């Protein structure tokens, strides 16, 4: 009799555990669905060529953009131009931090003039290197309501390629060559890039 009662108790206990587990799983699914759904009256938009895998990190600069036009080729050109402009802006901001830290860490005469010269070279290097960016994502869609084409694009540029081009320009500049220390500049550049995180 005890065995039957024990078996029945075990069965009831296991059933209760399974039901509580199923109820918890249902609640978790409901919570996940509630979090994932956009508010009433709003529609979630999926932006192509976008997301964490398209963020700048300590190895590459990345940018993404959208171009729209009645002409398919023009939509692509606009997207590429917008992405390059975004990347140029991001690189200039990053290099400004590198220059400020580098110049402040060195014993240089007329720091302001040196910093201005560095920044002038930055624009030249960025303009030169942006022609060599690599497209890492490209998607085209049509907008049915207007008949326009939309191109989503993401591009990247190696941080090491940029550093090498920058080093070449700095090494060839007569006024900066006297005070320029590549190893120190590289160390400062890499420290700034590491703030962006890595793969």
Protein backbone atom coordinates (compact mmCIF):
# COMPACT_ATOMS: atom_id res chain seq x y z
CA UNK A 1 0.00 0.00 0.00
CA UNK A 2 2.90 2.31 0.86
CA UNK A 3 4.43 1.71 -2.59
CA UNK A 4 1.19 2.77 -4.30
CA UNK A 5 0.92 5.88 -2.16
CA UNK A 6 4.59 6.71 -2.82
CA UNK A 7 4.12 6.18 -6.58
CA UNK A 8 1.01 8.32 -6.56
CA UNK A 9 2.83 11.07 -4.60
CA UNK A 10 5.74 10.94 -7.04
CA UNK A 11 3.38 11.14 -10.01
CA UNK A 12 1.55 14.13 -8.52
CA UNK A 13 4.88 15.83 -7.68
CA UNK A 14 6.30 15.25 -11.20
CA UNK A 15 3.06 16.46 -12.80
CA UNK A 16 3.15 19.62 -10.65
CA UNK A 17 6.78 20.26 -11.61
CA UNK A 18 6.06 19.78 -15.31
CA UNK A 19 3.04 22.10 -15.17
CA UNK A 20 4.98 24.80 -13.33
CA UNK A 21 7.80 24.48 -15.89
CA UNK A 22 5.34 24.74 -18.78
CA UNK A 23 3.66 27.77 -17.21
CA UNK A 24 7.03 29.46 -16.70
CA UNK A 25 7.99 28.74 -20.32
CA UNK A 26 4.68 30.21 -21.52
CA UNK A 27 5.21 33.32 -19.39
CA UNK A 28 8.75 33.70 -20.78
CA UNK A 29 7.46 33.43 -24.35
CA UNK A 30 4.72 35.98 -23.63
CA UNK A 31 7.26 38.37 -22.08
CA UNK A 32 9.61 37.94 -25.06
CA UNK A 33 6.74 38.57 -27.47
CA UNK A 34 5.68 41.64 -25.50
CA UNK A 35 9.23 43.07 -25.55
CA UNK A 36 9.80 42.33 -29.25
CA UNK A 37 6.53 43.82 -30.52
CA UNK A 38 6.54 47.55 -31.39
CA UNK A 39 3.99 49.81 -29.68
CA UNK A 40 0.49 49.96 -31.09
CA UNK A 41 0.26 52.01 -34.28
CA UNK A 42 3.97 51.73 -35.00
CA UNK A 43 5.70 49.45 -37.49
CA UNK A 44 9.24 48.17 -36.98
CA UNK A 45 11.52 48.96 -39.92
CA UNK A 46 14.37 46.64 -40.76
CA UNK A 47 17.33 48.70 -41.99
CA UNK A 48 19.41 46.64 -44.40
CA UNK A 49 23.24 46.59 -44.17
CA UNK A 50 22.98 47.82 -40.59
CA UNK A 51 23.55 46.42 -37.12
CA UNK A 52 26.46 45.46 -34.84
CA UNK A 53 28.38 43.61 -37.56
CA UNK A 54 28.58 46.91 -39.47
CA UNK A 55 29.96 49.01 -36.58
CA UNK A 56 33.49 50.47 -36.53
CA UNK A 57 35.87 48.58 -34.27
CA UNK A 58 39.60 48.65 -33.50
CA UNK A 59 40.50 46.98 -36.81
CA UNK A 60 38.28 48.71 -39.38
CA UNK A 61 36.28 51.86 -39.90
CA UNK A 62 32.77 51.09 -41.15
CA UNK A 63 29.86 53.21 -42.30
CA UNK A 64 26.46 52.51 -43.80
CA UNK A 65 23.98 54.68 -45.64
CA UNK A 66 20.93 54.81 -47.85
CA UNK A 67 20.45 56.38 -51.28
CA UNK A 68 17.13 56.86 -53.04
CA UNK A 69 16.38 57.85 -56.62
CA UNK A 70 14.08 57.19 -59.56
CA UNK A 71 17.22 55.81 -61.28
CA UNK A 72 18.78 52.59 -59.95
CA UNK A 73 22.41 53.62 -60.62
CA UNK A 74 21.87 57.04 -59.04
CA UNK A 75 20.43 55.43 -55.91
CA UNK A 76 23.64 53.39 -55.57
CA UNK A 77 25.86 56.45 -56.17
CA UNK A 78 23.97 58.42 -53.53
CA UNK A 79 24.25 55.58 -51.00
CA UNK A 80 28.00 55.26 -51.61
CA UNK A 81 28.54 59.03 -51.39
CA UNK A 82 26.55 59.18 -48.14
CA UNK A 83 28.49 56.25 -46.65
CA UNK A 84 31.84 57.80 -47.64
CA UNK A 85 30.82 61.15 -46.11
CA UNK A 86 29.84 59.39 -42.89
CA UNK A 87 33.11 57.46 -42.80
CA UNK A 88 35.18 60.60 -43.48
CA UNK A 89 33.45 62.34 -40.59
CA UNK A 90 34.04 59.38 -38.26
CA UNK A 91 37.71 59.09 -39.25
CA UNK A 92 38.31 62.83 -38.83
CA UNK A 93 36.79 62.69 -35.33
CA UNK A 94 38.91 59.68 -34.39
CA UNK A 95 42.15 61.09 -35.84
CA UNK A 96 41.53 64.42 -34.06
CA UNK A 97 41.70 62.53 -30.75
CA UNK A 98 44.90 60.78 -31.89
CA UNK A 99 46.53 64.08 -32.93
CA UNK A 100 45.55 65.87 -29.71
CA UNK A 101 46.95 63.05 -27.56
CA UNK A 102 50.08 62.66 -29.72
CA UNK A 103 50.93 66.37 -29.85
CA UNK A 104 50.31 66.78 -26.11
CA UNK A 105 52.58 63.84 -25.31
CA UNK A 106 55.50 65.22 -27.33
CA UNK A 107 57.91 68.09 -26.77
CA UNK A 108 57.02 70.16 -29.82
CA UNK A 109 57.55 73.79 -30.65
CA UNK A 110 54.41 75.69 -31.58
CA UNK A 111 51.95 72.88 -30.80
CA UNK A 112 49.04 74.73 -32.41
CA UNK A 113 50.77 74.98 -35.79
CA UNK A 114 51.85 71.32 -35.62
CA UNK A 115 48.30 70.21 -34.78
CA UNK A 116 46.89 72.25 -37.69
CA UNK A 117 49.44 70.72 -40.06
CA UNK A 118 48.55 67.20 -38.85
CA UNK A 119 44.85 67.91 -39.39
CA UNK A 120 45.48 69.24 -42.90
CA UNK A 121 47.30 66.03 -43.77
CA UNK A 122 44.44 64.03 -42.29
CA UNK A 123 42.01 65.51 -44.82
CA UNK A 124 44.38 64.64 -47.69
CA UNK A 125 44.88 61.06 -46.46
CA UNK A 126 41.17 60.48 -45.85
CA UNK A 127 40.25 61.81 -49.31
CA UNK A 128 42.88 59.53 -50.86
CA UNK A 129 41.95 56.41 -48.87
CA UNK A 130 38.18 56.75 -49.31
CA UNK A 131 38.57 55.85 -52.97
CA UNK A 132 39.82 52.44 -51.80
CA UNK A 133 37.00 51.52 -49.43
CA UNK A 134 35.56 48.03 -49.64
CA UNK A 135 31.81 47.44 -49.97
CA UNK A 136 30.76 44.80 -47.43
CA UNK A 137 27.00 44.92 -47.97
CA UNK A 138 24.75 46.18 -50.74
CA UNK A 139 20.99 45.69 -51.05
CA UNK A 140 18.57 47.32 -53.47
CA UNK A 141 14.83 47.53 -53.08
CA UNK A 142 12.06 49.42 -54.86
CA UNK A 143 9.51 51.57 -53.10
CA UNK A 144 6.18 50.55 -54.60
CA UNK A 145 4.31 53.73 -53.67
CA UNK A 146 6.76 56.01 -55.51
CA UNK A 147 8.49 53.60 -57.87
CA UNK A 148 11.86 54.85 -56.60
CA UNK A 149 14.88 52.66 -55.99
CA UNK A 150 16.55 52.50 -52.59
CA UNK A 151 20.09 51.24 -52.13
CA UNK A 152 21.42 50.28 -48.72
CA UNK A 153 25.19 50.06 -48.56
CA UNK A 154 27.91 49.42 -45.96
CA UNK A 155 31.62 50.04 -46.51
CA UNK A 156 34.80 49.50 -44.55
CA UNK A 157 38.39 50.70 -44.49
CA UNK A 158 41.25 48.97 -42.69
CA UNK A 159 42.61 51.01 -39.77
CA UNK A 160 46.11 49.68 -40.54
CA UNK A 161 45.87 50.82 -44.18
CA UNK A 162 44.85 54.25 -42.97
CA UNK A 163 47.73 54.33 -40.46
CA UNK A 164 50.23 53.32 -43.19
CA UNK A 165 48.97 56.05 -45.56
CA UNK A 166 49.06 58.58 -42.76
CA UNK A 167 52.61 57.57 -41.82
CA UNK A 168 53.74 57.95 -45.43
CA UNK A 169 52.33 61.49 -45.67
CA UNK A 170 53.74 62.54 -42.29
CA UNK A 171 57.18 61.10 -43.09
CA UNK A 172 57.31 63.11 -46.34
CA UNK A 173 56.26 66.41 -44.77
CA UNK A 174 59.38 68.54 -44.27
CA UNK A 175 58.01 70.60 -41.40
CA UNK A 176 56.62 67.64 -39.44
CA UNK A 177 59.37 65.10 -40.14
CA UNK A 178 61.67 66.70 -37.53
CA UNK A 179 59.25 66.06 -34.63
CA UNK A 180 57.46 63.00 -35.99
CA UNK A 181 57.94 59.67 -34.16
CA UNK A 182 56.10 56.86 -35.98
CA UNK A 183 56.19 54.38 -33.09
CA UNK A 184 54.74 56.91 -30.68
CA UNK A 185 52.11 57.98 -33.22
CA UNK A 186 51.19 54.33 -33.91
CA UNK A 187 50.90 53.63 -30.18
CA UNK A 188 48.60 56.66 -29.76
CA UNK A 189 46.55 55.66 -32.83
CA UNK A 190 46.08 52.08 -31.58
CA UNK A 191 45.15 53.28 -28.07
CA UNK A 192 42.41 55.47 -29.57
CA UNK A 193 41.19 52.63 -31.82
CA UNK A 194 41.06 50.22 -28.87
CA UNK A 195 38.53 52.52 -27.21
CA UNK A 196 36.15 51.53 -30.02
CA UNK A 197 36.26 47.87 -28.98
CA UNK A 198 37.31 44.87 -31.02
CA UNK A 199 36.27 41.66 -32.64
